[in-house]
């Protein structure tokens, strides 16, 4: 499994951020070619959307904030979940790549979770690894491994 982690804004002027983005794009292409499942967390989800011709947009009130995430079709047996967000950029409904199916949104209709229409590629905008209980992250990993 390839994990594209969070950290830093996607488009920065810093030379290292440009190198990082190039490496992430190479990892995505390699994962697709070798049929390796990919999960993008926060920035990683933004990279996935960008890679598949989607866009991101600056959003407010998601840095170090608790956000209510609404799941489509009671994913994981829940209709919503409170999560900790740490991002300055998001994916509004109209900027998501056509390659992805929306699995969860926030109350402003920003995409909080998606999956690829055909491949084992998932994106999560919050940080499940920062939660006290990692059962949610384990649930996601089980789905991807199927």
Protein backbone atom coordinates (compact mmCIF):
# COMPACT_ATOMS: atom_id res chain seq x y z
CA UNK A 1 0.00 0.00 0.00
CA UNK A 2 1.16 3.52 -0.80
CA UNK A 3 0.27 6.22 1.72
CA UNK A 4 0.48 9.85 0.69
CA UNK A 5 0.61 11.69 4.03
CA UNK A 6 -0.43 15.16 5.08
CA UNK A 7 1.84 18.09 5.79
CA UNK A 8 2.37 21.44 4.05
CA UNK A 9 0.22 23.12 1.44
CA UNK A 10 0.20 21.54 -2.00
CA UNK A 11 1.50 24.51 -3.97
CA UNK A 12 4.33 26.32 -2.28
CA UNK A 13 7.25 28.27 -3.61
CA UNK A 14 9.67 26.16 -1.58
CA UNK A 15 11.91 24.02 -3.82
CA UNK A 16 11.49 21.01 -1.52
CA UNK A 17 7.70 21.16 -1.87
CA UNK A 18 8.04 20.99 -5.65
CA UNK A 19 10.34 17.98 -5.33
CA UNK A 20 7.88 16.35 -2.92
CA UNK A 21 4.97 16.86 -5.34
CA UNK A 22 7.01 15.34 -8.17
CA UNK A 23 7.82 12.28 -6.04
CA UNK A 24 4.16 11.92 -5.01
CA UNK A 25 3.03 12.04 -8.66
CA UNK A 26 5.60 9.36 -9.52
CA UNK A 27 4.37 7.20 -6.63
CA UNK A 28 0.78 7.51 -7.89
CA UNK A 29 1.77 6.46 -11.40
CA UNK A 30 3.81 3.55 -10.02
CA UNK A 31 0.94 2.45 -7.76
CA UNK A 32 -1.51 2.50 -10.64
CA UNK A 33 0.86 0.59 -12.92
CA UNK A 34 1.57 -2.08 -10.28
CA UNK A 35 -2.04 -2.16 -8.97
CA UNK A 36 -0.95 -1.11 -5.48
CA UNK A 37 -3.71 0.44 -3.30
CA UNK A 38 -3.17 4.13 -2.54
CA UNK A 39 -4.51 6.22 0.32
CA UNK A 40 -4.07 9.98 0.51
CA UNK A 41 -4.46 11.74 3.83
CA UNK A 42 -5.14 15.51 3.85
CA UNK A 43 -2.46 16.89 1.50
CA UNK A 44 -2.24 13.37 0.03
CA UNK A 45 -5.92 13.55 -0.89
CA UNK A 46 -5.34 16.94 -2.50
CA UNK A 47 -2.43 15.48 -4.50
CA UNK A 48 -4.64 12.63 -5.71
CA UNK A 49 -7.37 15.02 -6.82
CA UNK A 50 -4.81 17.23 -8.57
CA UNK A 51 -3.19 14.21 -10.25
CA UNK A 52 -6.57 13.18 -11.71
CA UNK A 53 -7.25 16.73 -13.02
CA UNK A 54 -9.27 18.02 -10.08
CA UNK A 55 -8.52 21.27 -8.28
CA UNK A 56 -8.24 22.59 -4.74
CA UNK A 57 -9.34 25.90 -3.25
CA UNK A 58 -8.36 27.91 -0.19
CA UNK A 59 -10.97 27.41 2.54
CA UNK A 60 -11.48 28.92 5.98
CA UNK A 61 -11.94 27.42 9.43
CA UNK A 62 -10.39 24.02 8.81
CA UNK A 63 -7.01 24.58 10.45
CA UNK A 64 -6.93 22.98 13.89
CA UNK A 65 -10.73 22.80 13.98
CA UNK A 66 -13.26 20.10 14.81
CA UNK A 67 -15.48 19.49 11.79
CA UNK A 68 -18.59 17.41 11.28
CA UNK A 69 -18.13 15.01 8.37
CA UNK A 70 -21.26 13.54 6.77
CA UNK A 71 -20.93 10.07 5.22
CA UNK A 72 -22.84 9.02 2.14
CA UNK A 73 -24.90 5.84 2.59
CA UNK A 74 -23.98 5.48 6.27
CA UNK A 75 -20.44 4.49 5.44
CA UNK A 76 -18.89 2.54 8.31
CA UNK A 77 -22.36 2.35 9.88
CA UNK A 78 -22.37 6.07 10.67
CA UNK A 79 -24.13 9.05 9.14
CA UNK A 80 -21.54 11.51 10.48
CA UNK A 81 -18.40 11.81 12.57
CA UNK A 82 -16.59 14.66 14.33
CA UNK A 83 -12.99 14.94 13.10
CA UNK A 84 -9.96 17.17 13.61
CA UNK A 85 -8.98 19.11 10.52
CA UNK A 86 -5.58 20.62 9.79
CA UNK A 87 -5.86 22.01 6.27
CA UNK A 88 -5.99 25.41 4.57
CA UNK A 89 -7.13 24.04 1.23
CA UNK A 90 -10.09 21.87 0.36
CA UNK A 91 -11.94 20.32 -2.53
CA UNK A 92 -15.32 21.95 -3.14
CA UNK A 93 -17.95 19.77 -4.83
CA UNK A 94 -17.42 21.43 -8.20
CA UNK A 95 -13.62 20.91 -8.20
CA UNK A 96 -13.42 17.16 -7.59
CA UNK A 97 -11.97 15.01 -10.34
CA UNK A 98 -14.51 13.01 -12.33
CA UNK A 99 -12.38 9.96 -11.47
CA UNK A 100 -13.65 9.98 -7.87
CA UNK A 101 -16.86 9.13 -6.07
CA UNK A 102 -17.70 11.27 -3.04
CA UNK A 103 -17.93 9.31 0.22
CA UNK A 104 -18.13 12.19 2.71
CA UNK A 105 -18.55 15.97 2.85
CA UNK A 106 -18.52 18.70 5.47
CA UNK A 107 -21.42 21.07 6.17
CA UNK A 108 -20.22 23.42 3.38
CA UNK A 109 -20.13 20.59 0.81
CA UNK A 110 -16.34 20.39 0.73
CA UNK A 111 -15.20 16.85 -0.04
CA UNK A 112 -13.83 15.10 3.04
CA UNK A 113 -13.47 11.58 1.63
CA UNK A 114 -13.52 9.99 -1.81
CA UNK A 115 -12.65 6.81 -3.65
CA UNK A 116 -11.58 6.23 -7.21
CA UNK A 117 -14.31 4.95 -9.53
CA UNK A 118 -12.26 1.95 -10.70
CA UNK A 119 -9.00 1.69 -8.74
CA UNK A 120 -8.19 1.07 -5.08
CA UNK A 121 -7.44 4.72 -4.38
CA UNK A 122 -8.96 6.58 -1.44
CA UNK A 123 -8.62 10.10 -0.10
CA UNK A 124 -9.36 11.34 3.42
CA UNK A 125 -9.11 15.05 4.15
CA UNK A 126 -8.75 14.77 7.92
CA UNK A 127 -6.12 12.87 9.93
CA UNK A 128 -7.52 9.57 11.24
CA UNK A 129 -4.05 8.70 12.51
CA UNK A 130 -4.29 11.63 14.95
CA UNK A 131 -7.45 10.32 16.59
CA UNK A 132 -7.29 8.61 19.98
CA UNK A 133 -9.08 5.59 18.58
CA UNK A 134 -7.65 4.31 15.33
CA UNK A 135 -10.58 2.01 14.61
CA UNK A 136 -11.73 4.26 11.76
CA UNK A 137 -8.32 4.08 10.08
CA UNK A 138 -8.34 0.30 10.52
CA UNK A 139 -11.80 0.15 8.87
CA UNK A 140 -10.53 2.09 5.88
CA UNK A 141 -7.47 -0.11 5.55
CA UNK A 142 -9.68 -3.24 5.58
CA UNK A 143 -11.80 -1.84 2.73
CA UNK A 144 -8.73 -1.02 0.66
CA UNK A 145 -7.17 -4.44 1.18
CA UNK A 146 -10.28 -6.30 -0.14
